[in-house]
Amino acid sequence: MRILIYSYNYYPEPIGIAPLMTELAEGLVERGHQVRVITGMPNYPQRQIYGEYCGKWFVTEQKNGVTIQRSYLRIKSKPNLVDRLLLELSFVITSLPQALNGWRPDVILLTVPPLLVSVPATVLSWLHNCPVVLNLQDILPEAAVRVGLIKNKIIIRAFEALEKFAYKSAQIISVIADGFVENLVNKGVPQSKIVCIPNWVNVNFIYPLPKENNAWKYSYQLDGKFVVMYSGNIALTQGLETVVEAAVLLDHLSEIVFVIAGESTALMNLQKYCLRRGATNVLLLPLQPREKLPEMMAAADIGLIVQKHNVISFNMPSKIPLLLASGRPIVASVPATGTAAQAITKSGGGIVVPPESPEALAQAILDLYSHPEKATELGNRGRQHAIERYSFEQAIAQYEALFSAVVTRSVFSTNVLPKGNGKAHSLLKPE
């Protein structure tokens, strides 16, 4: 098949959807398909165009058999709502010529956010008479409204109309968590149009490594420490202040150290908060190179997932499969009814505590610190679940089957991932 992936984020961006879409595109090429990627100039997470791409309108590259077609973005390092809208508009306008500059696709995979990209993808679908598979990584505008990013009622209504347009225009909607399915069905999307394919992890790249003789751990003087780690995006949905407050509560235990790795601007704000609260047991680090990820995750005794209380069925942290695959237990400070809590509970690889409660988070960490055998058991369960539920091999097979189904104008059953063992059944039903 000729597969066009429309993704705002792609290689060499190190976190979020970029590594996942890169792995998917390159994996599809290895399976014999032709793949083009329409994307922006790399900028995430610093929100600055990477040096070699600055000042360019269009760039076309080849990497591991994938044709990458990049286009100009109007981007600000500290964007307000207007800047974010202009950023999305710039990608909508500049990406379409790139999408038209190449072979006709058999199917388009569109990742959201950003939501406005559904417009050029739909135009392309009409022009080429090919189906669109809409891949929802977050549910917008609900996520932006819940965290207070969008408050203007007119803008909210406009985005809700765009959301309905995106759902209606797509032939199939692929979501990354079961909670997303319920959210969309409640908005009137036919369940037969939705398929759940979780984000994945390369379980051969991320796997349990010994805590001893860990060069990454030595380099930050963490040898002999009980490491509680948060690594990844630091955004409005997280509330890392809860982690800092938990660290303050455990400050009397000198062996416990909290490590937070993230984007530099967010870390600066967090550092000010640490100083204000007197948190001397928190180590703030920049995002680490991807090749260091296995050692870094092996250095942790506990991996953290943190969300605010209002993050329920519109967000699913992509770091959950990574932590499970690493064989380290998870402590999740997340809403009990949310998608993250459901995934962690189902995995058997972690503990869920109430969100925005430093006391509950500190108590759960202390429990695993005091009972290492419990931590080991959780880690082992999580690793096994990652292999069974989140392996890349399963995910790419499901995407390949899904693309084949929509290309042959069949409907892919919503029961691709039935509750239970999470294995694909590839149920096809003619329209």
Protein backbone atom coordinates (compact mmCIF):
# COMPACT_ATOMS: atom_id res chain seq x y z
CA MET A 1 0.00 0.00 0.00
CA ARG A 2 0.91 3.66 -0.38
CA ILE A 3 0.41 5.14 3.07
CA LEU A 4 0.49 8.88 3.82
CA ILE A 5 1.05 9.78 7.48
CA TYR A 6 -0.05 13.32 8.36
CA SER A 7 1.66 14.01 11.68
CA TYR A 8 2.65 17.40 13.07
CA ASN A 9 5.41 15.69 15.12
CA TYR A 10 8.06 13.32 13.77
CA TYR A 11 11.77 12.44 14.01
CA PRO A 12 14.11 13.88 15.35
CA GLU A 13 11.78 15.12 18.09
CA PRO A 14 12.55 12.93 21.14
CA ILE A 15 9.27 12.56 23.07
CA GLY A 16 5.52 12.38 22.61
CA ILE A 17 3.99 11.14 19.36
CA ALA A 18 7.14 11.75 17.25
CA PRO A 19 9.06 8.55 18.19
CA LEU A 20 5.86 6.50 17.83
CA MET A 21 5.02 7.78 14.34
CA THR A 22 8.66 7.34 13.31
CA GLU A 23 8.64 3.71 14.44
CA LEU A 24 5.29 3.09 12.72
CA ALA A 25 6.38 4.65 9.41
CA GLU A 26 9.68 2.80 9.31
CA GLY A 27 8.03 -0.46 10.40
CA LEU A 28 5.50 -0.19 7.57
CA VAL A 29 8.35 0.32 5.07
CA GLU A 30 10.03 -2.82 6.41
CA ARG A 31 6.77 -4.68 5.69
CA GLY A 32 6.93 -3.64 2.04
CA HIS A 33 4.71 -0.53 1.96
CA GLN A 34 5.54 2.91 0.57
CA VAL A 35 5.29 5.64 3.22
CA ARG A 36 5.30 9.43 2.99
CA VAL A 37 5.16 11.59 6.11
CA ILE A 38 3.81 15.14 6.04
CA THR A 39 5.15 16.98 9.07
CA GLY A 40 6.37 20.32 10.33
CA MET A 41 9.88 21.55 10.95
CA PRO A 42 11.08 19.84 14.16
CA ASN A 43 10.58 22.07 17.20
CA TYR A 44 9.33 20.01 20.14
CA PRO A 45 9.64 20.19 23.12
CA GLN A 46 11.64 23.46 23.12
CA ARG A 47 9.10 25.12 20.79
CA GLN A 48 11.99 26.39 18.67
CA ILE A 49 12.78 25.25 15.14
CA TYR A 50 15.88 23.05 15.21
CA GLY A 51 18.96 24.85 13.87
CA GLU A 52 19.41 23.17 10.47
CA TYR A 53 15.72 23.72 9.62
CA CYS A 54 15.52 27.43 10.52
CA GLY A 55 14.44 29.83 7.78
CA LYS A 56 13.22 27.09 5.43
CA TRP A 57 9.78 26.76 3.91
CA PHE A 58 10.00 23.19 2.65
CA VAL A 59 12.40 20.31 3.23
CA THR A 60 12.16 16.80 1.77
CA GLU A 61 14.28 14.03 3.31
CA GLN A 62 14.69 10.27 3.18
CA LYS A 63 15.23 8.24 6.34
CA ASN A 64 15.12 4.44 6.54
CA GLY A 65 12.99 4.24 3.40
CA VAL A 66 10.47 6.88 4.53
CA THR A 67 9.96 10.09 2.51
CA ILE A 68 9.67 12.95 5.02
CA GLN A 69 8.15 16.17 3.67
CA ARG A 70 8.45 19.08 6.09
CA SER A 71 6.87 22.52 5.90
CA TYR A 72 7.18 25.92 7.56
CA LEU A 73 5.68 26.60 11.00
CA ARG A 74 5.01 29.92 12.67
CA ILE A 75 6.07 29.15 16.20
CA LYS A 76 6.67 31.05 19.43
CA SER A 77 8.60 29.70 22.41
CA LYS A 78 5.99 31.01 24.86
CA PRO A 79 2.73 30.82 22.93
CA ASN A 80 -0.60 32.24 24.00
CA LEU A 81 -3.88 30.98 22.55
CA VAL A 82 -3.62 33.19 19.45
CA ASP A 83 -0.07 31.98 18.83
CA ARG A 84 -1.22 28.36 19.09
CA LEU A 85 -3.98 28.99 16.56
CA LEU A 86 -1.57 30.71 14.18
CA LEU A 87 0.84 27.79 14.58
CA GLU A 88 -1.86 25.31 13.57
CA LEU A 89 -3.00 27.52 10.70
CA SER A 90 0.55 27.84 9.39
CA PHE A 91 0.88 24.05 9.30
CA VAL A 92 -2.53 23.66 7.66
CA ILE A 93 -1.58 26.11 4.89
CA THR A 94 2.01 25.06 4.24
CA SER A 95 1.58 21.30 4.60
CA LEU A 96 -1.01 20.90 1.83
CA PRO A 97 1.39 21.73 -1.04
CA GLN A 98 3.80 19.14 0.35
CA ALA A 99 1.03 16.56 0.61
CA LEU A 100 0.09 17.20 -3.02
CA ASN A 101 3.74 16.93 -4.10
CA GLY A 102 4.04 13.17 -4.41
CA TRP A 103 2.27 9.95 -5.27
CA ARG A 104 -1.44 9.40 -4.64
CA PRO A 105 -1.95 7.60 -1.32
CA ASP A 106 -4.18 4.58 -0.83
CA VAL A 107 -4.88 5.65 2.76
CA ILE A 108 -4.13 8.64 4.99
CA LEU A 109 -3.28 8.29 8.68
CA LEU A 110 -3.93 11.61 10.43
CA THR A 111 -2.73 12.15 13.99
CA VAL A 112 -4.57 14.59 16.25
CA PRO A 113 -3.71 16.98 17.85
CA PRO A 114 -3.59 19.46 16.21
CA LEU A 115 -7.27 19.37 15.31
CA LEU A 116 -7.18 21.86 12.40
CA VAL A 117 -5.08 19.44 10.36
CA SER A 118 -8.25 17.46 9.72
CA VAL A 119 -9.12 20.12 7.13
CA PRO A 120 -6.21 19.60 4.67
CA ALA A 121 -6.32 15.83 5.28
CA THR A 122 -10.00 15.79 4.31
CA VAL A 123 -9.31 17.93 1.22
CA LEU A 124 -6.58 15.48 0.23
CA SER A 125 -8.99 12.58 0.81
CA TRP A 126 -11.55 14.18 -1.53
CA LEU A 127 -8.97 14.93 -4.22
CA HIS A 128 -7.48 11.44 -4.21
CA ASN A 129 -10.66 9.54 -3.30
CA CYS A 130 -8.86 7.73 -0.49
CA PRO A 131 -9.91 7.03 3.10
CA VAL A 132 -8.70 8.84 6.22
CA VAL A 133 -7.90 7.00 9.46
CA LEU A 134 -8.06 9.56 12.26
CA ASN A 135 -5.68 8.70 15.11
CA LEU A 136 -6.67 10.42 18.36
CA GLN A 137 -3.81 10.94 20.82
CA ASP A 138 -5.81 13.46 22.86
CA ILE A 139 -9.46 14.40 22.63
CA LEU A 140 -9.77 18.06 21.66
CA PRO A 141 -11.05 20.60 22.46
CA GLU A 142 -12.11 18.87 25.68
CA ALA A 143 -8.53 18.53 26.93
CA ALA A 144 -7.79 22.21 26.35
CA VAL A 145 -11.05 23.28 28.02
CA ARG A 146 -10.57 21.06 31.09
CA VAL A 147 -7.06 22.39 31.81
CA GLY A 148 -8.16 25.99 31.29
CA LEU A 149 -6.25 26.64 28.06
CA ILE A 150 -9.43 27.66 26.20
CA LYS A 151 -12.13 29.62 28.03
CA ASN A 152 -13.82 31.71 25.32
CA LYS A 153 -17.23 30.15 24.62
CA ILE A 154 -17.23 31.17 20.95
CA ILE A 155 -13.83 29.57 20.36
CA ILE A 156 -14.93 26.45 22.24
CA ARG A 157 -18.03 26.11 20.04
CA ALA A 158 -15.91 26.60 16.91
CA PHE A 159 -13.51 23.85 17.98
CA GLU A 160 -16.39 21.55 18.89
CA ALA A 161 -17.76 22.03 15.37
CA LEU A 162 -14.31 21.22 13.97
CA GLU A 163 -14.17 18.14 16.19
CA LYS A 164 -17.50 16.90 14.77
CA PHE A 165 -16.25 17.59 11.24
CA ALA A 166 -13.09 15.54 11.87
CA TYR A 167 -15.06 12.60 13.28
CA LYS A 168 -17.59 12.68 10.44
CA SER A 169 -14.97 13.00 7.67
CA ALA A 170 -12.81 10.09 8.80
CA GLN A 171 -13.68 6.59 7.64
CA ILE A 172 -12.24 5.08 10.84
CA ILE A 173 -11.16 6.62 14.14
CA SER A 174 -8.33 4.86 15.96
CA VAL A 175 -8.02 5.66 19.66
CA ILE A 176 -5.29 4.75 22.13
CA ALA A 177 -7.38 3.86 25.21
CA ASP A 178 -10.72 2.22 26.00
CA GLY A 179 -11.86 5.38 27.81
CA PHE A 180 -11.62 7.29 24.53
CA VAL A 181 -14.18 4.94 22.97
CA GLU A 182 -16.78 5.76 25.61
CA ASN A 183 -16.04 9.47 25.25
CA LEU A 184 -16.63 9.41 21.50
CA VAL A 185 -19.73 7.20 21.66
CA ASN A 186 -21.24 9.67 24.15
CA LYS A 187 -20.66 12.37 21.50
CA GLY A 188 -22.64 10.43 18.92
CA VAL A 189 -19.81 8.71 17.04
CA PRO A 190 -20.93 5.21 15.90
CA GLN A 191 -19.05 2.55 17.84
CA SER A 192 -18.56 0.60 14.61
CA LYS A 193 -16.39 3.48 13.38
CA ILE A 194 -13.96 3.28 16.33
CA VAL A 195 -11.03 0.92 16.86
CA CYS A 196 -8.74 0.88 19.90
CA ILE A 197 -5.03 0.36 19.17
CA PRO A 198 -2.90 1.40 22.16
CA ASN A 199 0.36 3.25 21.76
CA TRP A 200 3.22 0.80 21.92
CA VAL A 201 6.72 0.26 23.20
CA ASN A 202 9.64 -1.59 21.66
CA VAL A 203 10.03 -4.25 24.36
CA ASN A 204 13.40 -5.24 22.89
CA PHE A 205 14.71 -1.68 23.35
CA ILE A 206 13.14 -0.97 26.74
CA TYR A 207 13.55 -3.96 29.05
CA PRO A 208 14.59 -4.63 32.67
CA LEU A 209 18.29 -3.92 33.20
CA PRO A 210 20.23 -4.40 36.45
CA LYS A 211 20.25 -1.45 38.84
CA GLU A 212 23.89 -2.15 39.62
CA ASN A 213 26.72 -1.05 37.32
CA ASN A 214 24.43 1.50 35.69
CA ALA A 215 26.61 4.15 34.01
CA TRP A 216 23.74 6.65 33.78
CA LYS A 217 23.07 6.31 37.50
CA TYR A 218 26.76 6.78 38.33
CA SER A 219 26.99 9.89 36.15
CA TYR A 220 24.45 11.68 38.36
CA GLN A 221 25.77 10.37 41.68
CA LEU A 222 22.66 8.28 42.26
CA ASP A 223 24.45 5.08 43.21
CA GLY A 224 22.97 3.64 46.39
CA LYS A 225 19.89 5.89 46.15
CA PHE A 226 16.23 4.89 45.89
CA VAL A 227 15.26 6.75 42.72
CA VAL A 228 11.71 7.97 42.12
CA MET A 229 11.57 9.16 38.50
CA TYR A 230 9.35 11.29 36.31
CA SER A 231 10.50 11.74 32.72
CA GLY A 232 8.72 13.34 29.79
CA ASN A 233 6.38 16.16 28.94
CA ILE A 234 5.68 18.74 31.66
CA ALA A 235 2.36 20.33 30.72
CA LEU A 236 -0.85 21.72 32.19
CA THR A 237 -2.34 18.24 32.58
CA GLN A 238 0.37 17.02 34.95
CA GLY A 239 0.82 19.29 37.96
CA LEU A 240 4.36 18.28 38.94
CA GLU A 241 4.06 20.44 42.03
CA THR A 242 2.41 17.41 43.64
CA VAL A 243 5.67 15.48 43.14
CA VAL A 244 7.71 18.27 44.71
CA GLU A 245 5.37 18.39 47.71
CA ALA A 246 5.67 14.60 48.12
CA ALA A 247 9.45 14.96 48.01
CA VAL A 248 9.30 17.51 50.82
CA LEU A 249 7.28 15.06 52.92
CA LEU A 250 9.99 12.39 52.42
CA ASP A 251 12.94 14.72 52.82
CA HIS A 252 13.92 13.05 56.13
CA LEU A 253 14.81 9.84 54.26
CA SER A 254 18.18 10.68 52.72
CA GLU A 255 18.25 7.55 50.54
CA ILE A 256 15.17 8.61 48.53
CA VAL A 257 15.83 10.96 45.61
CA PHE A 258 13.28 12.32 43.14
CA VAL A 259 14.45 12.76 39.54
CA ILE A 260 12.43 14.87 37.11
CA ALA A 261 13.58 15.05 33.49
CA GLY A 262 11.84 17.40 31.11
CA GLU A 263 12.01 20.42 28.84
CA SER A 264 14.28 23.23 30.03
CA THR A 265 11.72 26.06 30.28
CA ALA A 266 9.31 23.93 32.33
CA LEU A 267 12.22 22.84 34.54
CA MET A 268 13.13 26.45 35.28
CA ASN A 269 9.65 27.09 36.67
CA LEU A 270 9.79 23.83 38.63
CA GLN A 271 13.20 24.75 40.04
CA LYS A 272 11.75 27.97 41.43
CA TYR A 273 9.00 25.96 43.08
CA CYS A 274 11.55 23.53 44.57
CA LEU A 275 13.55 26.43 46.03
CA ARG A 276 10.41 28.00 47.45
CA ARG A 277 9.40 24.73 49.12
CA GLY A 278 12.90 23.77 50.24
CA ALA A 279 12.91 20.49 48.29
CA THR A 280 16.57 19.45 48.51
CA ASN A 281 15.96 15.86 47.40
CA VAL A 282 14.78 16.68 43.85
CA LEU A 283 17.16 16.41 40.89
CA LEU A 284 16.02 18.28 37.78
CA LEU A 285 17.50 17.10 34.48
CA PRO A 286 17.04 18.00 30.80
CA LEU A 287 15.42 15.47 28.50
CA GLN A 288 17.87 12.67 27.86
CA PRO A 289 18.96 11.37 24.43
CA ARG A 290 16.83 8.45 23.27
CA GLU A 291 19.79 6.06 23.30
CA LYS A 292 20.16 6.72 27.04
CA LEU A 293 16.54 5.85 27.76
CA PRO A 294 17.00 2.15 28.67
CA GLU A 295 19.75 2.92 31.22
CA MET A 296 17.86 5.90 32.58
CA MET A 297 14.69 3.91 33.18
CA ALA A 298 16.71 1.07 34.70
CA ALA A 299 18.13 3.55 37.20
CA ALA A 300 14.64 4.12 38.63
CA ASP A 301 13.16 2.19 41.53
CA ILE A 302 9.75 3.74 40.89
CA GLY A 303 8.30 5.41 37.79
CA LEU A 304 5.75 8.19 38.24
CA ILE A 305 2.61 9.06 36.28
CA VAL A 306 1.04 12.34 37.39
CA GLN A 307 -2.19 14.01 36.29
CA LYS A 308 -4.52 16.66 37.66
CA HIS A 309 -7.94 15.72 39.02
CA ASN A 310 -9.83 16.91 35.91
CA VAL A 311 -7.89 14.73 33.43
CA ILE A 312 -10.21 11.76 32.93
CA SER A 313 -11.10 10.37 29.50
CA PHE A 314 -9.27 12.66 27.08
CA ASN A 315 -5.61 11.91 27.80
CA MET A 316 -3.51 8.74 27.97
CA PRO A 317 0.18 9.15 28.94
CA SER A 318 2.40 7.46 26.34
CA LYS A 319 5.00 6.81 29.04
CA ILE A 320 2.85 4.10 30.66
CA PRO A 321 3.92 1.36 28.21
CA LEU A 322 7.56 2.50 28.58
CA LEU A 323 7.49 2.22 32.37
CA LEU A 324 5.77 -1.15 32.26
CA ALA A 325 8.30 -2.49 29.75
CA SER A 326 11.20 -1.34 31.95
CA GLY A 327 10.08 -3.71 34.70
CA ARG A 328 9.83 -0.94 37.28
CA PRO A 329 6.69 -0.39 39.41
CA ILE A 330 4.48 2.60 38.70
CA VAL A 331 3.00 4.95 41.25
CA ALA A 332 0.25 6.92 39.51
CA SER A 333 -1.23 10.06 41.01
CA VAL A 334 -4.22 10.14 38.64
CA PRO A 335 -8.05 10.23 38.70
CA ALA A 336 -9.41 6.81 39.68
CA THR A 337 -11.97 6.83 36.84
CA GLY A 338 -9.54 8.03 34.17
CA THR A 339 -7.95 6.18 31.27
CA ALA A 340 -4.49 6.16 32.90
CA ALA A 341 -5.80 4.57 36.11
CA GLN A 342 -7.69 1.93 34.12
CA ALA A 343 -4.59 1.02 32.11
CA ILE A 344 -2.32 0.80 35.16
CA THR A 345 -4.82 -1.18 37.21
CA LYS A 346 -5.37 -3.63 34.33
CA SER A 347 -1.60 -4.10 33.95
CA GLY A 348 -1.09 -5.10 37.59
CA GLY A 349 2.15 -3.15 37.42
CA GLY A 350 1.45 -0.20 39.65
CA ILE A 351 -0.37 1.61 42.44
CA VAL A 352 -3.01 4.29 41.80
CA VAL A 353 -3.45 7.08 44.36
CA PRO A 354 -5.71 10.16 44.35
CA PRO A 355 -4.44 13.01 42.14
CA GLU A 356 -3.03 16.25 43.56
CA SER A 357 -2.51 14.58 46.96
CA PRO A 358 1.16 14.79 48.01
CA GLU A 359 0.36 12.79 51.16
CA ALA A 360 -1.11 9.85 49.20
CA LEU A 361 1.76 9.93 46.71
CA ALA A 362 4.39 10.02 49.46
CA GLN A 363 2.71 7.16 51.32
CA ALA A 364 2.64 4.94 48.22
CA ILE A 365 6.33 5.65 47.54
CA LEU A 366 7.19 4.92 51.15
CA ASP A 367 5.27 1.64 50.97
CA LEU A 368 7.33 0.39 48.01
CA TYR A 369 10.54 1.71 49.57
CA SER A 370 9.78 -0.31 52.71
CA HIS A 371 8.64 -3.44 50.82
CA PRO A 372 11.09 -4.10 47.95
CA GLU A 373 9.57 -7.52 47.28
CA LYS A 374 6.24 -5.84 46.49
CA ALA A 375 7.99 -3.42 44.14
CA THR A 376 9.68 -6.32 42.36
CA GLU A 377 6.40 -8.18 41.96
CA LEU A 378 4.66 -5.13 40.49
CA GLY A 379 7.55 -4.57 38.11
CA ASN A 380 7.46 -8.16 36.89
CA ARG A 381 3.70 -8.03 36.31
CA GLY A 382 4.05 -4.77 34.42
CA ARG A 383 6.78 -6.14 32.17
CA GLN A 384 4.68 -9.19 31.28
CA HIS A 385 1.65 -7.01 30.55
CA ALA A 386 3.75 -4.76 28.29
CA ILE A 387 4.83 -7.77 26.26
CA GLU A 388 1.25 -9.05 25.96
CA ARG A 389 -0.54 -5.74 25.40
CA TYR A 390 1.85 -3.04 24.20
CA SER A 391 4.44 -4.65 21.93
CA PHE A 392 5.26 -2.84 18.69
CA GLU A 393 4.79 -6.05 16.70
CA GLN A 394 1.15 -6.27 17.77
CA ALA A 395 0.47 -2.60 17.10
CA ILE A 396 1.94 -2.50 13.60
CA ALA A 397 0.11 -5.68 12.63
CA GLN A 398 -3.15 -4.09 13.75
CA TYR A 399 -2.46 -0.85 11.86
CA GLU A 400 -1.53 -2.79 8.74
CA ALA A 401 -4.75 -4.82 8.95
CA LEU A 402 -6.74 -1.64 9.58
CA PHE A 403 -5.26 0.13 6.54
CA SER A 404 -5.91 -2.94 4.38
CA ALA A 405 -9.51 -3.02 5.59
CA VAL A 406 -10.30 0.62 4.83
CA VAL A 407 -8.51 0.47 1.49
CA THR A 408 -10.75 -2.44 0.47
CA ARG A 409 -13.74 -0.44 1.73
CA SER A 410 -14.47 -2.72 4.62
CA VAL A 411 -15.36 -1.74 8.15
CA PHE A 412 -12.91 -2.78 10.84
CA SER A 413 -14.84 -4.08 13.84
CA THR A 414 -14.59 -2.16 17.08
CA ASN A 415 -13.68 -5.44 18.77
CA VAL A 416 -10.12 -5.44 17.45
CA LEU A 417 -8.87 -5.33 21.02
CA PRO A 418 -11.44 -7.20 23.11
CA LYS A 419 -11.32 -6.92 26.85
CA GLY A 420 -9.22 -9.73 28.17
CA ASN A 421 -5.91 -10.64 26.60
CA GLY A 422 -5.74 -7.60 24.32
CA LYS A 423 -4.87 -9.61 21.19
CA ALA A 424 -6.00 -8.49 17.74
CA HIS A 425 -8.76 -10.49 16.04
CA SER A 426 -8.87 -8.57 12.73
CA LEU A 427 -12.65 -8.88 12.38
CA LEU A 428 -13.70 -7.49 9.01
CA LYS A 429 -17.27 -6.75 8.11
CA PRO A 430 -18.28 -5.55 4.59
CA GLU A 431 -20.17 -2.29 4.36
